[in-house]
Amino acid sequence: MSRLPAEDGRTDLESTRTARTLRDTLHELPVDALVPDGWLVGTEVVQFGDRRPADGVTLRHGDYPRDLVITGAGTDDGEALAVHERDRRAGRRTVVAGVPARGDAASELTDGLRAAARAAARIEGGGTGEAAIDRGEPSTSLSGRAGDVEKRLNFY
């Protein structure tokens, strides 16, 4: 829930509203059909730098030291979600795919899960070292620099 403070610092209950989260949307999707066997799907709260904490959907496999995190945090303009590969050993996150905004949370999260499934297949196939960018038939790709880090986003 998000609340707007009243002028005197108290919370006005009339201004309280319920927000729909990734967790809510996740429960409505056929996750088992979208995620490869052996990958466990969960949720967590993630934070990128000084941005506000956000919901994240995680894919984790006990045999691999890398997770996949789907979240609205760390996205660029026009993106609803980004898929990050998180290396648990090195403590790094790398964007491996972006999901364009459609205005439909279920479609956006479904696209995010599909992109994460492609990244999971790459991880299972023995991809080592830095995360490789998912290049499996993107509709468009963008690349650029964010500080001293080169970023490439594929949109599906």
N, C-alpha and C. Protein backbone atom coordinates (compact mmCIF):
# COMPACT_ATOMS: atom_id res chain seq x y z
N MET A 1 0.84 -1.17 0.00
CA MET A 1 0.00 0.00 0.00
C MET A 1 0.88 1.23 0.00
N SER A 2 0.41 2.25 -0.62
CA SER A 2 1.15 3.51 -0.55
C SER A 2 0.24 4.54 0.09
N ARG A 3 0.85 5.39 0.89
CA ARG A 3 0.07 6.37 1.63
C ARG A 3 0.63 7.75 1.38
N LEU A 4 -0.25 8.69 1.30
CA LEU A 4 0.15 10.08 1.18
C LEU A 4 -0.05 10.74 2.54
N PRO A 5 0.98 11.37 3.10
CA PRO A 5 0.83 11.97 4.43
C PRO A 5 -0.09 13.19 4.40
N ALA A 6 -0.84 13.34 5.48
CA ALA A 6 -1.69 14.53 5.64
C ALA A 6 -0.79 15.71 5.97
N GLU A 7 -1.33 16.90 5.90
CA GLU A 7 -0.54 18.10 6.13
C GLU A 7 0.09 18.13 7.52
N ASP A 8 -0.58 17.58 8.52
CA ASP A 8 -0.03 17.60 9.87
C ASP A 8 0.87 16.38 10.16
N GLY A 9 1.23 15.60 9.11
CA GLY A 9 2.13 14.47 9.28
C GLY A 9 1.43 13.15 9.52
N ARG A 10 0.13 13.19 9.81
CA ARG A 10 -0.62 11.95 10.01
C ARG A 10 -1.02 11.38 8.65
N THR A 11 -1.34 10.11 8.61
CA THR A 11 -1.76 9.46 7.38
C THR A 11 -3.28 9.53 7.27
N ASP A 12 -3.73 9.99 6.13
CA ASP A 12 -5.16 10.05 5.84
C ASP A 12 -5.55 8.74 5.17
N LEU A 13 -6.39 7.94 5.82
CA LEU A 13 -6.76 6.64 5.29
C LEU A 13 -7.52 6.73 3.98
N GLU A 14 -8.15 7.85 3.71
CA GLU A 14 -8.87 7.99 2.44
C GLU A 14 -7.90 8.06 1.27
N SER A 15 -6.66 8.45 1.51
CA SER A 15 -5.69 8.54 0.42
C SER A 15 -4.89 7.25 0.25
N THR A 16 -5.19 6.22 1.05
CA THR A 16 -4.49 4.94 0.96
C THR A 16 -5.06 4.14 -0.20
N ARG A 17 -4.17 3.55 -0.99
CA ARG A 17 -4.62 2.74 -2.12
C ARG A 17 -3.78 1.47 -2.19
N THR A 18 -4.30 0.45 -2.80
CA THR A 18 -3.60 -0.81 -2.96
C THR A 18 -2.88 -0.81 -4.30
N ALA A 19 -1.62 -1.23 -4.29
CA ALA A 19 -0.84 -1.30 -5.53
C ALA A 19 -0.71 -2.76 -5.95
N ARG A 20 -0.81 -3.00 -7.23
CA ARG A 20 -0.63 -4.34 -7.78
C ARG A 20 0.86 -4.57 -7.98
N THR A 21 1.35 -5.71 -7.54
CA THR A 21 2.78 -5.99 -7.58
C THR A 21 3.10 -7.13 -8.56
N LEU A 22 4.39 -7.34 -8.82
CA LEU A 22 4.81 -8.49 -9.63
C LEU A 22 4.38 -9.79 -8.96
N ARG A 23 4.42 -9.82 -7.64
CA ARG A 23 4.00 -11.02 -6.91
C ARG A 23 2.55 -11.37 -7.22
N ASP A 24 1.69 -10.35 -7.24
CA ASP A 24 0.28 -10.58 -7.55
C ASP A 24 0.13 -11.16 -8.95
N THR A 25 0.84 -10.58 -9.90
CA THR A 25 0.75 -11.02 -11.30
C THR A 25 1.32 -12.43 -11.45
N LEU A 26 2.42 -12.73 -10.78
CA LEU A 26 3.07 -14.03 -10.89
C LEU A 26 2.12 -15.17 -10.54
N HIS A 27 1.29 -14.97 -9.54
CA HIS A 27 0.37 -16.02 -9.10
C HIS A 27 -0.71 -16.34 -10.12
N GLU A 28 -0.88 -15.49 -11.11
CA GLU A 28 -1.91 -15.71 -12.13
C GLU A 28 -1.37 -16.37 -13.40
N LEU A 29 -0.06 -16.59 -13.48
CA LEU A 29 0.55 -17.09 -14.70
C LEU A 29 0.88 -18.58 -14.60
N PRO A 30 0.92 -19.27 -15.76
CA PRO A 30 1.31 -20.69 -15.78
C PRO A 30 2.84 -20.80 -15.73
N VAL A 31 3.42 -20.52 -14.58
CA VAL A 31 4.87 -20.41 -14.42
C VAL A 31 5.58 -21.69 -14.85
N ASP A 32 5.06 -22.85 -14.49
CA ASP A 32 5.73 -24.12 -14.83
C ASP A 32 5.88 -24.30 -16.33
N ALA A 33 4.97 -23.76 -17.11
CA ALA A 33 5.06 -23.87 -18.56
C ALA A 33 6.07 -22.89 -19.16
N LEU A 34 6.44 -21.87 -18.40
CA LEU A 34 7.33 -20.83 -18.92
C LEU A 34 8.78 -20.99 -18.47
N VAL A 35 9.01 -21.70 -17.39
CA VAL A 35 10.34 -21.80 -16.78
C VAL A 35 10.90 -23.21 -16.98
N PRO A 36 12.19 -23.32 -17.33
CA PRO A 36 12.78 -24.66 -17.54
C PRO A 36 12.74 -25.51 -16.26
N ASP A 37 12.69 -26.82 -16.46
CA ASP A 37 12.69 -27.76 -15.33
C ASP A 37 13.91 -27.53 -14.46
N GLY A 38 13.72 -27.64 -13.16
CA GLY A 38 14.81 -27.51 -12.21
C GLY A 38 15.04 -26.10 -11.70
N TRP A 39 14.46 -25.11 -12.34
CA TRP A 39 14.61 -23.72 -11.91
C TRP A 39 13.45 -23.38 -10.98
N LEU A 40 13.78 -22.90 -9.81
CA LEU A 40 12.78 -22.52 -8.82
C LEU A 40 12.45 -21.04 -8.97
N VAL A 41 11.17 -20.72 -8.91
CA VAL A 41 10.72 -19.34 -9.05
C VAL A 41 10.30 -18.83 -7.69
N GLY A 42 10.76 -17.64 -7.36
CA GLY A 42 10.41 -17.01 -6.10
C GLY A 42 10.31 -15.51 -6.29
N THR A 43 10.12 -14.81 -5.20
CA THR A 43 10.06 -13.35 -5.25
C THR A 43 10.96 -12.79 -4.16
N GLU A 44 11.41 -11.58 -4.38
CA GLU A 44 12.21 -10.87 -3.39
C GLU A 44 12.11 -9.39 -3.69
N VAL A 45 12.54 -8.60 -2.74
CA VAL A 45 12.61 -7.16 -2.93
C VAL A 45 14.04 -6.83 -3.31
N VAL A 46 14.22 -6.07 -4.41
CA VAL A 46 15.56 -5.71 -4.88
C VAL A 46 15.70 -4.19 -4.87
N GLN A 47 16.94 -3.75 -4.80
CA GLN A 47 17.21 -2.31 -4.84
C GLN A 47 18.44 -2.08 -5.70
N PHE A 48 18.39 -1.07 -6.54
CA PHE A 48 19.48 -0.70 -7.42
C PHE A 48 19.94 0.69 -7.05
N GLY A 49 21.13 0.76 -6.48
CA GLY A 49 21.67 2.06 -6.10
C GLY A 49 20.77 2.76 -5.11
N ASP A 50 20.49 4.04 -5.38
CA ASP A 50 19.66 4.82 -4.47
C ASP A 50 18.19 4.83 -4.88
N ARG A 51 17.83 3.97 -5.85
CA ARG A 51 16.42 3.90 -6.26
C ARG A 51 15.59 3.20 -5.20
N ARG A 52 14.29 3.40 -5.27
CA ARG A 52 13.38 2.77 -4.31
C ARG A 52 13.40 1.26 -4.48
N PRO A 53 13.22 0.51 -3.40
CA PRO A 53 13.12 -0.95 -3.50
C PRO A 53 11.94 -1.33 -4.40
N ALA A 54 12.09 -2.46 -5.09
CA ALA A 54 11.05 -2.91 -6.01
C ALA A 54 10.92 -4.43 -5.93
N ASP A 55 9.76 -4.93 -6.33
CA ASP A 55 9.54 -6.37 -6.41
C ASP A 55 10.43 -6.98 -7.47
N GLY A 56 10.85 -8.19 -7.22
CA GLY A 56 11.61 -8.94 -8.21
C GLY A 56 11.14 -10.38 -8.23
N VAL A 57 11.10 -10.97 -9.39
CA VAL A 57 10.81 -12.38 -9.56
C VAL A 57 12.15 -13.04 -9.83
N THR A 58 12.49 -14.08 -9.08
CA THR A 58 13.79 -14.72 -9.21
C THR A 58 13.66 -16.14 -9.74
N LEU A 59 14.62 -16.54 -10.55
CA LEU A 59 14.76 -17.91 -11.00
C LEU A 59 16.10 -18.39 -10.48
N ARG A 60 16.10 -19.51 -9.78
CA ARG A 60 17.33 -20.02 -9.16
C ARG A 60 17.39 -21.53 -9.37
N HIS A 61 18.59 -22.00 -9.65
CA HIS A 61 18.84 -23.43 -9.79
C HIS A 61 20.01 -23.78 -8.88
N GLY A 62 19.86 -24.81 -8.07
CA GLY A 62 20.89 -25.18 -7.10
C GLY A 62 22.22 -25.59 -7.72
N ASP A 63 22.23 -25.99 -8.99
CA ASP A 63 23.46 -26.44 -9.63
C ASP A 63 24.29 -25.29 -10.24
N TYR A 64 23.75 -24.07 -10.25
CA TYR A 64 24.44 -22.96 -10.91
C TYR A 64 24.56 -21.78 -9.95
N PRO A 65 25.70 -21.07 -9.98
CA PRO A 65 25.91 -19.95 -9.06
C PRO A 65 25.31 -18.64 -9.56
N ARG A 66 24.46 -18.71 -10.55
CA ARG A 66 23.86 -17.49 -11.09
C ARG A 66 22.34 -17.58 -11.03
N ASP A 67 21.73 -16.48 -10.65
CA ASP A 67 20.28 -16.36 -10.60
C ASP A 67 19.84 -15.43 -11.71
N LEU A 68 18.56 -15.45 -11.99
CA LEU A 68 17.96 -14.49 -12.91
C LEU A 68 16.91 -13.72 -12.14
N VAL A 69 16.91 -12.41 -12.28
CA VAL A 69 16.00 -11.55 -11.54
C VAL A 69 15.24 -10.69 -12.54
N ILE A 70 13.92 -10.77 -12.49
CA ILE A 70 13.06 -9.96 -13.35
C ILE A 70 12.47 -8.87 -12.47
N THR A 71 12.66 -7.62 -12.84
CA THR A 71 12.19 -6.53 -12.00
C THR A 71 11.98 -5.26 -12.82
N GLY A 72 11.20 -4.37 -12.26
CA GLY A 72 11.04 -3.05 -12.86
C GLY A 72 12.15 -2.10 -12.43
N ALA A 73 12.93 -2.49 -11.43
CA ALA A 73 14.05 -1.66 -10.97
C ALA A 73 15.18 -1.76 -11.98
N GLY A 74 15.86 -0.66 -12.22
CA GLY A 74 16.98 -0.67 -13.13
C GLY A 74 16.60 -0.70 -14.59
N THR A 75 15.35 -0.33 -14.91
CA THR A 75 14.92 -0.31 -16.31
C THR A 75 15.19 1.05 -16.93
N ASP A 76 15.23 1.07 -18.24
CA ASP A 76 15.38 2.31 -18.98
C ASP A 76 14.02 2.76 -19.48
N ASP A 77 13.96 3.94 -20.07
CA ASP A 77 12.70 4.47 -20.61
C ASP A 77 12.09 3.49 -21.62
N GLY A 78 10.79 3.33 -21.56
CA GLY A 78 10.08 2.46 -22.48
C GLY A 78 10.07 1.00 -22.07
N GLU A 79 10.78 0.67 -21.00
CA GLU A 79 10.82 -0.71 -20.52
C GLU A 79 9.91 -0.87 -19.32
N ALA A 80 9.21 -1.98 -19.29
CA ALA A 80 8.41 -2.31 -18.12
C ALA A 80 9.26 -3.10 -17.13
N LEU A 81 10.07 -4.01 -17.67
CA LEU A 81 10.87 -4.91 -16.84
C LEU A 81 12.24 -5.12 -17.47
N ALA A 82 13.17 -5.53 -16.65
CA ALA A 82 14.49 -5.93 -17.13
C ALA A 82 14.83 -7.28 -16.50
N VAL A 83 15.55 -8.10 -17.23
CA VAL A 83 16.02 -9.38 -16.72
C VAL A 83 17.50 -9.22 -16.42
N HIS A 84 17.87 -9.47 -15.18
CA HIS A 84 19.25 -9.34 -14.73
C HIS A 84 19.78 -10.72 -14.40
N GLU A 85 21.03 -10.97 -14.79
CA GLU A 85 21.71 -12.18 -14.35
C GLU A 85 22.56 -11.77 -13.16
N ARG A 86 22.36 -12.47 -12.06
CA ARG A 86 23.08 -12.14 -10.82
C ARG A 86 24.06 -13.27 -10.51
N ASP A 87 25.32 -12.92 -10.47
CA ASP A 87 26.37 -13.88 -10.12
C ASP A 87 26.52 -13.85 -8.60
N ARG A 88 26.11 -14.93 -7.93
CA ARG A 88 26.15 -14.97 -6.47
C ARG A 88 27.57 -14.98 -5.93
N ARG A 89 28.51 -15.52 -6.69
CA ARG A 89 29.90 -15.58 -6.23
C ARG A 89 30.59 -14.22 -6.34
N ALA A 90 30.40 -13.55 -7.46
CA ALA A 90 31.10 -12.27 -7.69
C ALA A 90 30.30 -11.08 -7.19
N GLY A 91 29.01 -11.29 -6.89
CA GLY A 91 28.19 -10.18 -6.40
C GLY A 91 27.89 -9.14 -7.46
N ARG A 92 27.73 -9.57 -8.71
CA ARG A 92 27.45 -8.64 -9.81
C ARG A 92 26.11 -8.97 -10.44
N ARG A 93 25.47 -7.93 -10.98
CA ARG A 93 24.25 -8.09 -11.77
C ARG A 93 24.50 -7.52 -13.15
N THR A 94 24.03 -8.20 -14.17
CA THR A 94 24.18 -7.76 -15.54
C THR A 94 22.81 -7.85 -16.22
N VAL A 95 22.42 -6.80 -16.91
CA VAL A 95 21.16 -6.84 -17.66
C VAL A 95 21.36 -7.74 -18.87
N VAL A 96 20.47 -8.73 -19.04
CA VAL A 96 20.56 -9.64 -20.18
C VAL A 96 19.38 -9.52 -21.13
N ALA A 97 18.32 -8.84 -20.72
CA ALA A 97 17.17 -8.65 -21.62
C ALA A 97 16.28 -7.55 -21.04
N GLY A 98 15.56 -6.89 -21.92
CA GLY A 98 14.58 -5.90 -21.52
C GLY A 98 13.21 -6.26 -22.07
N VAL A 99 12.18 -5.86 -21.37
CA VAL A 99 10.81 -6.13 -21.79
C VAL A 99 10.12 -4.79 -22.00
N PRO A 100 9.70 -4.51 -23.23
CA PRO A 100 9.05 -3.22 -23.48
C PRO A 100 7.70 -3.12 -22.77
N ALA A 101 7.34 -1.90 -22.40
CA ALA A 101 6.05 -1.66 -21.75
C ALA A 101 4.92 -1.90 -22.74
N ARG A 102 3.91 -2.64 -22.28
CA ARG A 102 2.72 -2.93 -23.09
C ARG A 102 1.45 -2.41 -22.44
N GLY A 103 1.56 -2.10 -21.15
CA GLY A 103 0.37 -1.67 -20.43
C GLY A 103 -0.42 -2.83 -19.85
N ASP A 104 0.08 -4.05 -19.99
CA ASP A 104 -0.58 -5.25 -19.48
C ASP A 104 0.45 -6.01 -18.66
N ALA A 105 0.32 -5.99 -17.34
CA ALA A 105 1.31 -6.58 -16.45
C ALA A 105 1.51 -8.07 -16.69
N ALA A 106 0.45 -8.81 -17.00
CA ALA A 106 0.58 -10.25 -17.23
C ALA A 106 1.40 -10.53 -18.49
N SER A 107 1.16 -9.80 -19.55
CA SER A 107 1.93 -9.99 -20.79
C SER A 107 3.39 -9.61 -20.59
N GLU A 108 3.62 -8.51 -19.87
CA GLU A 108 4.99 -8.07 -19.62
C GLU A 108 5.76 -9.09 -18.80
N LEU A 109 5.15 -9.62 -17.74
CA LEU A 109 5.84 -10.60 -16.91
C LEU A 109 6.02 -11.91 -17.66
N THR A 110 5.05 -12.30 -18.49
CA THR A 110 5.21 -13.50 -19.32
C THR A 110 6.41 -13.34 -20.24
N ASP A 111 6.53 -12.19 -20.88
CA ASP A 111 7.69 -11.92 -21.75
C ASP A 111 8.99 -11.95 -20.94
N GLY A 112 8.96 -11.41 -19.72
CA GLY A 112 10.13 -11.44 -18.86
C GLY A 112 10.53 -12.86 -18.49
N LEU A 113 9.55 -13.70 -18.18
CA LEU A 113 9.83 -15.09 -17.84
C LEU A 113 10.39 -15.85 -19.04
N ARG A 114 9.88 -15.55 -20.23
CA ARG A 114 10.41 -16.20 -21.45
C ARG A 114 11.86 -15.78 -21.69
N ALA A 115 12.15 -14.50 -21.53
CA ALA A 115 13.53 -14.03 -21.70
C ALA A 115 14.44 -14.65 -20.64
N ALA A 116 13.96 -14.77 -19.41
CA ALA A 116 14.74 -15.40 -18.35
C ALA A 116 14.95 -16.88 -18.66
N ALA A 117 13.95 -17.54 -19.24
CA ALA A 117 14.08 -18.96 -19.60
C ALA A 117 15.17 -19.15 -20.65
N ARG A 118 15.27 -18.23 -21.61
CA ARG A 118 16.35 -18.31 -22.61
C ARG A 118 17.72 -18.14 -21.94
N ALA A 119 17.79 -17.21 -20.98
CA ALA A 119 19.05 -17.01 -20.24
C ALA A 119 19.38 -18.24 -19.40
N ALA A 120 18.36 -18.87 -18.82
CA ALA A 120 18.58 -20.08 -18.02
C ALA A 120 19.11 -21.21 -18.90
N ALA A 121 18.58 -21.33 -20.11
CA ALA A 121 19.06 -22.36 -21.03
C ALA A 121 20.52 -22.11 -21.39
N ARG A 122 20.90 -20.85 -21.55
CA ARG A 122 22.29 -20.51 -21.84
C ARG A 122 23.18 -20.89 -20.66
N ILE A 123 22.72 -20.60 -19.44
CA ILE A 123 23.49 -20.96 -18.25
C ILE A 123 23.66 -22.47 -18.15
N GLU A 124 22.58 -23.21 -18.40
CA GLU A 124 22.64 -24.68 -18.34
C GLU A 124 23.56 -25.23 -19.42
N GLY A 125 23.66 -24.52 -20.54
CA GLY A 125 24.49 -24.97 -21.65
C GLY A 125 25.98 -24.76 -21.41
N GLY A 126 26.33 -24.22 -20.26
CA GLY A 126 27.74 -24.07 -19.94
C GLY A 126 28.30 -22.70 -20.15
N GLY A 127 27.45 -21.69 -20.32
CA GLY A 127 27.95 -20.32 -20.44
C GLY A 127 28.69 -19.96 -19.16
N THR A 128 29.93 -19.53 -19.28
CA THR A 128 30.72 -19.21 -18.10
C THR A 128 31.16 -17.77 -18.14
N GLY A 129 31.72 -17.32 -17.04
CA GLY A 129 32.27 -15.96 -16.97
C GLY A 129 31.16 -14.94 -16.97
N GLU A 130 31.40 -13.83 -17.64
CA GLU A 130 30.42 -12.75 -17.71
C GLU A 130 29.17 -13.23 -18.41
N ALA A 131 28.06 -12.65 -18.05
CA ALA A 131 26.79 -13.00 -18.67
C ALA A 131 26.83 -12.62 -20.14
N ALA A 132 26.42 -13.53 -20.97
CA ALA A 132 26.31 -13.22 -22.40
C ALA A 132 24.95 -12.58 -22.64
N ILE A 133 24.87 -11.75 -23.63
CA ILE A 133 23.61 -11.09 -23.94
C ILE A 133 22.73 -12.05 -24.72
N ASP A 134 21.47 -12.11 -24.36
CA ASP A 134 20.50 -12.96 -25.05
C ASP A 134 20.27 -12.38 -26.43
N ARG A 135 20.68 -13.09 -27.46
CA ARG A 135 20.54 -12.60 -28.82
C ARG A 135 19.56 -13.46 -29.62
N GLY A 136 18.70 -14.21 -28.94
CA GLY A 136 17.76 -15.09 -29.61
C GLY A 136 16.58 -14.37 -30.20
N GLU A 137 16.72 -13.90 -31.40
CA GLU A 137 15.67 -13.26 -32.16
C GLU A 137 15.01 -12.08 -31.46
N PRO A 138 15.78 -11.07 -31.04
CA PRO A 138 15.13 -9.89 -30.46
C PRO A 138 14.44 -9.09 -31.54
N SER A 139 13.41 -8.37 -31.15
CA SER A 139 12.73 -7.50 -32.11
C SER A 139 13.57 -6.26 -32.38
N THR A 140 14.35 -5.84 -31.39
CA THR A 140 15.28 -4.72 -31.56
C THR A 140 16.29 -4.76 -30.43
N SER A 141 17.44 -4.13 -30.63
CA SER A 141 18.48 -4.08 -29.60
C SER A 141 18.99 -2.66 -29.48
N LEU A 142 19.36 -2.30 -28.28
CA LEU A 142 19.95 -0.99 -28.01
C LEU A 142 21.24 -1.22 -27.24
N SER A 143 22.24 -0.39 -27.50
CA SER A 143 23.45 -0.48 -26.70
C SER A 143 23.89 0.93 -26.34
N GLY A 144 24.61 1.02 -25.25
CA GLY A 144 25.10 2.31 -24.80
C GLY A 144 25.91 2.15 -23.55
N ARG A 145 26.42 3.25 -23.07
CA ARG A 145 27.25 3.25 -21.87
C ARG A 145 26.48 3.85 -20.71
N ALA A 146 26.65 3.25 -19.55
CA ALA A 146 26.13 3.80 -18.30
C ALA A 146 27.35 3.95 -17.39
N GLY A 147 27.92 5.13 -17.37
CA GLY A 147 29.17 5.34 -16.65
C GLY A 147 30.28 4.64 -17.39
N ASP A 148 30.98 3.73 -16.73
CA ASP A 148 32.05 2.99 -17.38
C ASP A 148 31.63 1.57 -17.75
N VAL A 149 30.31 1.31 -17.76
CA VAL A 149 29.78 -0.02 -18.07
C VAL A 149 29.05 0.01 -19.41
N GLU A 150 29.41 -0.90 -20.30
CA GLU A 150 28.74 -1.03 -21.59
C GLU A 150 27.49 -1.88 -21.38
N LYS A 151 26.33 -1.37 -21.83
CA LYS A 151 25.07 -2.11 -21.67
C LYS A 151 24.48 -2.38 -23.03
N ARG A 152 23.90 -3.56 -23.20
CA ARG A 152 23.18 -3.90 -24.41
C ARG A 152 21.85 -4.51 -23.98
N LEU A 153 20.78 -3.99 -24.51
CA LEU A 153 19.46 -4.50 -24.17
C LEU A 153 18.78 -5.04 -25.41
N ASN A 154 18.27 -6.25 -25.29
CA ASN A 154 17.49 -6.85 -26.36
C ASN A 154 16.04 -6.80 -25.96
N PHE A 155 15.19 -6.40 -26.89
CA PHE A 155 13.75 -6.34 -26.65
C PHE A 155 13.08 -7.45 -27.41
N TYR A 156 12.15 -8.15 -26.75
CA TYR A 156 11.47 -9.27 -27.36
C TYR A 156 10.00 -9.01 -27.45
